[in-house]
N, C-alpha and C. Protein backbone atom coordinates (compact mmCIF):
# COMPACT_ATOMS: atom_id res chain seq x y z
N MET A 1 0.73 -1.45 -0.28
CA MET A 1 -0.05 -0.12 -0.25
C MET A 1 1.05 1.15 -0.17
N THR A 2 0.42 2.33 -0.54
CA THR A 2 1.12 3.50 -0.82
C THR A 2 0.17 4.91 -0.16
N THR A 3 0.77 5.70 0.37
CA THR A 3 -0.03 6.84 0.63
C THR A 3 0.79 7.88 0.59
N ALA A 4 0.41 9.20 0.58
CA ALA A 4 1.35 10.51 0.09
C ALA A 4 1.43 11.44 1.38
N ILE A 5 2.00 12.27 1.54
CA ILE A 5 2.25 13.34 2.86
C ILE A 5 1.56 14.61 2.10
N SER A 6 0.51 15.32 3.17
CA SER A 6 0.02 16.36 2.53
C SER A 6 0.92 17.39 2.49
N SER A 7 0.48 18.73 2.24
CA SER A 7 1.00 19.99 2.37
C SER A 7 1.19 20.37 3.69
N LYS A 8 0.37 19.70 4.77
CA LYS A 8 0.44 20.03 5.95
C LYS A 8 1.36 19.09 6.57
N GLY A 9 2.16 18.35 6.13
CA GLY A 9 2.72 17.03 6.56
C GLY A 9 2.25 16.04 6.86
N GLN A 10 1.05 16.10 6.96
CA GLN A 10 0.28 14.45 7.41
C GLN A 10 0.29 13.35 6.39
N ILE A 11 0.34 12.33 7.27
CA ILE A 11 0.21 11.12 6.18
C ILE A 11 -0.96 10.29 6.76
N VAL A 12 -1.40 9.80 5.56
CA VAL A 12 -2.90 9.10 5.98
C VAL A 12 -2.73 7.82 5.81
N LEU A 13 -3.00 6.90 6.94
CA LEU A 13 -2.88 5.70 6.67
C LEU A 13 -4.47 4.93 6.04
N PRO A 14 -3.97 4.16 5.22
CA PRO A 14 -4.85 3.78 4.36
C PRO A 14 -5.98 2.91 5.06
N VAL A 15 -7.26 2.88 4.65
CA VAL A 15 -8.69 2.83 5.46
C VAL A 15 -8.56 1.21 5.45
N GLU A 16 -7.76 0.31 5.09
CA GLU A 16 -7.69 -1.05 4.81
C GLU A 16 -6.90 -1.25 6.39
N ILE A 17 -5.94 -0.57 6.65
CA ILE A 17 -5.03 -0.69 7.80
C ILE A 17 -5.67 -0.11 8.97
N ARG A 18 -6.34 1.20 8.86
CA ARG A 18 -7.36 1.58 10.05
C ARG A 18 -8.45 0.57 10.64
N ARG A 19 -9.11 -0.15 9.44
CA ARG A 19 -10.02 -0.98 9.85
C ARG A 19 -9.51 -2.23 10.57
N ARG A 20 -8.56 -2.49 9.65
CA ARG A 20 -7.86 -4.13 10.19
C ARG A 20 -7.28 -3.87 11.58
N ASP A 21 -6.74 -2.84 12.17
CA ASP A 21 -6.32 -2.40 13.38
C ASP A 21 -7.06 -1.58 14.45
N ASP A 22 -8.29 -1.25 14.27
CA ASP A 22 -9.15 -0.78 14.80
C ASP A 22 -8.58 0.67 15.23
N ILE A 23 -8.03 1.47 14.17
CA ILE A 23 -7.30 2.89 14.47
C ILE A 23 -8.34 4.03 14.00
N ARG A 24 -8.63 4.75 15.28
CA ARG A 24 -9.58 5.61 15.18
C ARG A 24 -8.48 7.36 15.06
N PRO A 25 -9.65 8.03 14.81
CA PRO A 25 -9.21 9.45 14.70
C PRO A 25 -8.63 9.95 16.35
N GLY A 26 -7.71 10.59 16.33
CA GLY A 26 -7.06 11.31 17.56
C GLY A 26 -6.20 10.27 18.44
N GLU A 27 -5.90 8.85 17.92
CA GLU A 27 -5.05 8.23 18.41
C GLU A 27 -3.74 8.50 18.17
N GLU A 28 -2.59 8.32 19.01
CA GLU A 28 -1.34 8.68 18.81
C GLU A 28 -0.34 7.70 18.54
N PHE A 29 0.68 8.10 17.63
CA PHE A 29 1.78 7.19 17.09
C PHE A 29 3.02 7.65 17.68
N LYS A 30 4.07 6.98 17.85
CA LYS A 30 5.23 7.41 18.06
C LYS A 30 6.26 7.07 16.78
N VAL A 31 6.93 8.28 16.25
CA VAL A 31 7.40 8.13 14.94
C VAL A 31 9.18 8.07 15.33
N GLU A 32 9.74 6.99 14.49
CA GLU A 32 11.27 6.76 14.90
C GLU A 32 11.72 6.78 13.60
N ARG A 33 12.68 7.55 13.53
CA ARG A 33 13.83 7.43 12.17
C ARG A 33 14.64 6.28 12.50
N LEU A 34 14.82 5.45 11.40
CA LEU A 34 15.76 4.38 11.47
C LEU A 34 16.70 4.72 10.66
N ASP A 35 16.69 5.02 9.64
CA ASP A 35 17.88 5.75 8.63
C ASP A 35 17.18 6.68 7.61
N ALA A 36 18.08 7.17 6.80
CA ALA A 36 17.57 8.38 5.65
C ALA A 36 16.56 7.49 5.06
N GLY A 37 15.02 8.01 5.01
CA GLY A 37 14.41 7.55 4.24
C GLY A 37 13.38 6.49 5.11
N ASP A 38 14.03 5.93 6.14
CA ASP A 38 13.32 4.53 6.94
C ASP A 38 12.71 4.96 8.13
N TYR A 39 11.34 4.89 8.34
CA TYR A 39 10.65 5.36 9.43
C TYR A 39 9.94 4.24 9.93
N ARG A 40 9.54 4.53 11.19
CA ARG A 40 8.62 3.52 11.91
C ARG A 40 7.54 4.11 12.73
N LEU A 41 6.29 3.98 12.57
CA LEU A 41 5.15 4.22 13.42
C LEU A 41 5.09 3.19 14.50
N ILE A 42 4.81 3.73 15.62
CA ILE A 42 4.68 2.80 16.53
C ILE A 42 3.16 3.38 17.53
N ARG A 43 2.29 2.84 17.45
CA ARG A 43 1.12 3.19 18.12
C ARG A 43 1.14 3.27 19.56
N GLN A 44 0.83 4.13 19.78
CA GLN A 44 0.72 4.49 21.45
C GLN A 44 -0.66 3.65 22.23
N LYS A 45 -0.40 2.67 23.20
CA LYS A 45 -1.39 2.19 23.75
C LYS A 45 -2.47 3.03 24.11
N ARG A 46 -3.60 2.58 24.00
CA ARG A 46 -4.74 3.36 24.61
C ARG A 46 -5.04 3.10 26.12
N PRO A 47 -5.62 3.99 26.84
CA PRO A 47 -6.30 3.80 28.32
C PRO A 47 -6.87 2.66 28.37
N ALA A 48 -6.72 1.80 29.53
CA ALA A 48 -7.62 0.58 29.34
C ALA A 48 -9.31 1.01 29.35
N ASN A 49 -9.79 2.24 29.93
CA ASN A 49 -10.98 2.48 29.77
C ASN A 49 -11.18 3.50 28.79
N GLN A 50 -10.80 3.59 27.63
CA GLN A 50 -10.91 4.85 26.88
C GLN A 50 -12.22 4.32 26.18
N GLY A 51 -13.20 5.26 25.84
CA GLY A 51 -14.48 4.73 25.59
C GLY A 51 -15.45 4.04 26.19
N LEU A 52 -15.07 3.96 27.63
CA LEU A 52 -15.95 3.33 28.19
C LEU A 52 -17.08 4.33 28.74
N VAL A 53 -16.84 5.56 28.75
CA VAL A 53 -17.91 6.65 29.00
C VAL A 53 -19.00 6.70 27.84
N ASP A 54 -18.34 6.42 26.53
CA ASP A 54 -19.38 6.63 25.51
C ASP A 54 -20.18 5.37 25.37
N LEU A 55 -19.85 4.34 25.78
CA LEU A 55 -20.37 3.07 25.61
C LEU A 55 -21.43 2.86 26.98
N LEU A 56 -21.16 3.64 27.91
CA LEU A 56 -22.36 3.68 28.77
C LEU A 56 -23.28 4.63 28.60
N LEU A 57 -23.23 5.55 28.08
CA LEU A 57 -24.05 6.50 27.65
C LEU A 57 -24.66 6.18 26.37
N ALA A 58 -24.35 5.30 25.55
CA ALA A 58 -24.92 5.02 24.63
C ALA A 58 -26.09 3.73 24.69
N CYS A 59 -26.04 3.18 26.01
CA CYS A 59 -26.81 1.99 26.48
C CYS A 59 -28.25 2.57 26.13
N PRO A 60 -28.87 1.30 25.44
CA PRO A 60 -30.39 1.72 25.17
C PRO A 60 -31.11 1.77 26.63
N VAL A 61 -30.85 0.91 27.31
CA VAL A 61 -31.67 0.70 28.38
C VAL A 61 -31.37 1.83 29.60
N LYS A 62 -32.28 2.82 29.48
CA LYS A 62 -32.25 4.20 30.45
C LYS A 62 -32.84 3.76 31.87
N GLY A 63 -32.30 4.34 32.79
CA GLY A 63 -32.73 3.97 34.45
C GLY A 63 -32.45 2.37 34.73
N PHE A 64 -31.31 1.72 34.33
CA PHE A 64 -30.93 0.49 34.50
C PHE A 64 -30.41 0.45 36.02
N PHE A 65 -29.40 1.80 36.49
CA PHE A 65 -29.00 1.97 37.64
C PHE A 65 -29.77 2.42 38.77
N VAL A 66 -29.93 1.24 39.87
CA VAL A 66 -30.84 1.70 40.89
C VAL A 66 -29.76 1.30 42.14
N PRO A 67 -29.77 2.52 42.74
CA PRO A 67 -28.81 2.64 44.02
C PRO A 67 -29.64 1.30 45.07
N ILE A 68 -28.83 0.81 45.85
CA ILE A 68 -29.30 -0.12 46.89
C ILE A 68 -29.07 0.83 48.23
N GLU A 69 -30.22 0.47 48.87
CA GLU A 69 -30.03 1.01 50.28
C GLU A 69 -29.19 0.29 51.23
N SER A 70 -28.33 1.12 52.20
CA SER A 70 -27.46 0.70 52.81
C SER A 70 -27.41 1.08 54.06
N GLU A 71 -27.02 0.82 55.20
CA GLU A 71 -26.42 1.63 56.29
C GLU A 71 -25.39 2.25 56.41
N SER A 72 -25.56 3.45 56.87
CA SER A 72 -24.41 4.55 57.08
C SER A 72 -23.26 4.03 58.00
N THR A 73 -22.06 4.03 57.41
CA THR A 73 -20.79 3.90 58.12
C THR A 73 -20.57 4.63 59.16
N ASP A 74 -21.36 5.80 59.45
CA ASP A 74 -20.98 6.71 60.48
C ASP A 74 -21.34 5.96 61.72
N THR A 75 -22.50 5.04 61.82
CA THR A 75 -22.72 4.39 63.23
C THR A 75 -22.05 3.28 63.53
N LEU A 76 -21.09 2.93 62.64
CA LEU A 76 -20.29 1.59 63.07
C LEU A 76 -18.85 2.09 63.74
């Protein structure tokens, strides 16, 4: 696969790679220069809970959270 660099210095990863590896907008990569003309992109690990809030907010069932009553710890 090939890609081009834009006038802003941006490189677009081909859609096949983005889909295969689940690469999303805003993800960060480290760029290493190996030699003249040879570079490596290293995907930075996502935080373990990235996207969790969006997933919970997208839950189709509203009102699923019901607090349970408990005794106060003040009296223990």
